[in-house]
Amino acid sequence: MKKNPAHPVHPVKTPHTTGPWRTAIYEGEADRLVVADTGELIADCSAPCWHDYGIPEDYQANARLIAAAPDLLWIAERFLQIRRCSGNGDKGSVRKWTKAEAEHSFVDLENHARAAIARAQGKS
């Protein structure tokens, strides 16, 4: 398992290549490949012959969504952590947070979620 350096405050052990991931140019076409910051290839969202297998815009959208996956996973895990710490989730709650701490964490999480969604949709 690998540690996720993308969010050093809350490193997550993962069985997959750690994020962040980004899209890259493939044969002159933007946003076809998904690569890790190390340069490791995560996914190739292009087809050998696009007119037979789909539209290039679909490949780009797929690559952007895949590239956002580590951030989206982190957001989901963070959400569950906040629920647990605010006393609204699992019974294995650590220290119960104050209402102000939980609210601040949810606002921060919302900002991360908006940024990840914008990235996945190609709006950032």
Protein backbone atom coordinates (compact mmCIF):
# COMPACT_ATOMS: atom_id res chain seq x y z
CA MET A 1 0.00 0.00 0.00
CA LYS A 2 1.15 3.51 -0.78
CA LYS A 3 0.67 6.70 1.21
CA ASN A 4 -1.12 9.58 -0.45
CA PRO A 5 1.15 12.67 -0.40
CA ALA A 6 -1.52 14.84 -2.04
CA HIS A 7 -3.12 15.56 1.31
CA PRO A 8 -0.30 15.44 3.88
CA VAL A 9 -2.54 16.39 6.80
CA HIS A 10 -4.56 13.22 6.30
CA PRO A 11 -2.38 10.72 4.42
CA VAL A 12 -4.34 7.76 3.16
CA LYS A 13 -2.88 4.35 2.43
CA THR A 14 -4.02 3.24 -1.00
CA PRO A 15 -3.61 0.10 -3.09
CA HIS A 16 -3.52 2.29 -6.23
CA THR A 17 -1.07 4.86 -7.54
CA THR A 18 -1.22 7.89 -5.30
CA GLY A 19 -2.58 11.19 -6.53
CA PRO A 20 -2.73 13.80 -7.61
CA TRP A 21 -3.32 12.69 -11.17
CA ARG A 22 -3.56 14.94 -14.21
CA THR A 23 -4.40 14.72 -17.87
CA ALA A 24 -1.69 14.87 -20.52
CA ILE A 25 -1.33 15.35 -24.26
CA TYR A 26 -1.41 12.26 -26.48
CA GLU A 27 -0.26 12.53 -30.11
CA GLY A 28 -0.97 16.26 -30.12
CA GLU A 29 -4.45 15.93 -28.60
CA ALA A 30 -4.93 17.38 -25.11
CA ASP A 31 -6.46 15.51 -22.19
CA ARG A 32 -6.23 11.96 -23.55
CA LEU A 33 -3.86 10.38 -21.04
CA VAL A 34 -4.05 10.31 -17.27
CA VAL A 35 -0.68 10.36 -15.51
CA ALA A 36 0.52 10.59 -11.93
CA ASP A 37 2.79 13.43 -10.88
CA THR A 38 5.63 10.90 -11.16
CA GLY A 39 4.83 10.52 -14.86
CA GLU A 40 3.44 7.01 -14.40
CA LEU A 41 0.68 6.24 -16.91
CA ILE A 42 -2.65 5.68 -15.15
CA ALA A 43 -5.02 5.45 -18.12
CA ASP A 44 -5.09 5.93 -21.87
CA CYS A 45 -8.50 7.28 -22.84
CA SER A 46 -7.91 7.33 -26.58
CA ALA A 47 -8.87 4.72 -29.14
CA PRO A 48 -6.63 3.59 -32.00
CA CYS A 49 -9.00 5.14 -34.51
CA TRP A 50 -11.39 7.71 -33.00
CA HIS A 51 -13.86 7.69 -35.87
CA ASP A 52 -14.52 4.00 -35.20
CA TYR A 53 -14.66 4.07 -31.41
CA GLY A 54 -16.04 7.37 -30.19
CA ILE A 55 -15.62 11.10 -30.22
CA PRO A 56 -12.43 12.83 -29.02
CA GLU A 57 -14.44 15.00 -26.62
CA ASP A 58 -15.61 11.82 -24.87
CA TYR A 59 -12.00 10.70 -24.43
CA GLN A 60 -11.10 14.06 -22.94
CA ALA A 61 -14.07 14.00 -20.55
CA ASN A 62 -13.24 10.45 -19.48
CA ALA A 63 -9.60 11.37 -18.84
CA ARG A 64 -10.57 14.41 -16.75
CA LEU A 65 -12.96 12.34 -14.64
CA ILE A 66 -10.37 9.62 -14.06
CA ALA A 67 -7.72 12.23 -13.20
CA ALA A 68 -10.03 13.64 -10.50
CA ALA A 69 -10.58 10.22 -8.90
CA PRO A 70 -7.92 10.49 -6.14
CA ASP A 71 -9.32 13.88 -5.05
CA LEU A 72 -12.89 12.59 -5.11
CA LEU A 73 -11.88 9.54 -3.04
CA TRP A 74 -10.10 11.78 -0.53
CA ILE A 75 -13.21 13.97 -0.25
CA ALA A 76 -15.44 10.95 0.43
CA GLU A 77 -13.02 9.62 3.06
CA ARG A 78 -12.71 13.06 4.66
CA PHE A 79 -16.50 13.39 4.77
CA LEU A 80 -16.76 10.12 6.71
CA GLN A 81 -13.98 11.26 9.05
CA ILE A 82 -15.79 14.53 9.77
CA ARG A 83 -19.06 12.68 10.40
CA ARG A 84 -17.27 10.34 12.80
CA CYS A 85 -15.52 13.17 14.67
CA SER A 86 -18.66 15.28 14.85
CA GLY A 87 -20.46 12.40 16.53
CA ASN A 88 -22.87 11.90 13.63
CA GLY A 89 -21.31 8.80 12.15
CA ASP A 90 -19.64 5.58 13.20
CA LYS A 91 -19.70 4.57 16.86
CA GLY A 92 -15.88 4.38 16.82
CA SER A 93 -15.79 8.14 17.18
CA VAL A 94 -12.52 9.68 18.29
CA ARG A 95 -12.73 13.05 20.03
CA LYS A 96 -16.09 14.67 19.44
CA TRP A 97 -15.71 18.01 17.69
CA THR A 98 -17.48 21.19 18.61
CA LYS A 99 -20.16 22.43 16.25
CA ALA A 100 -17.79 25.20 15.07
CA GLU A 101 -15.00 22.69 14.29
CA ALA A 102 -17.36 20.48 12.32
CA GLU A 103 -18.82 23.45 10.42
CA HIS A 104 -15.34 24.70 9.50
CA SER A 105 -14.36 21.22 8.30
CA PHE A 106 -17.51 20.90 6.19
CA VAL A 107 -16.89 24.32 4.58
CA ASP A 108 -13.31 23.30 3.79
CA LEU A 109 -14.54 19.98 2.40
CA GLU A 110 -17.13 21.77 0.27
CA ASN A 111 -14.39 23.93 -1.26
CA HIS A 112 -12.30 20.84 -2.06
CA ALA A 113 -15.37 19.15 -3.57
CA ARG A 114 -16.19 22.14 -5.79
CA ALA A 115 -12.59 22.27 -7.04
CA ALA A 116 -12.49 18.51 -7.76
CA ILE A 117 -15.82 18.62 -9.58
CA ALA A 118 -14.67 21.60 -11.67
CA ARG A 119 -11.49 19.67 -12.58
CA ALA A 120 -13.49 16.58 -13.52
CA GLN A 121 -15.76 18.71 -15.71
CA GLY A 122 -12.85 20.53 -17.36
CA LYS A 123 -13.81 23.89 -15.86
CA SER A 124 -10.61 24.62 -13.99
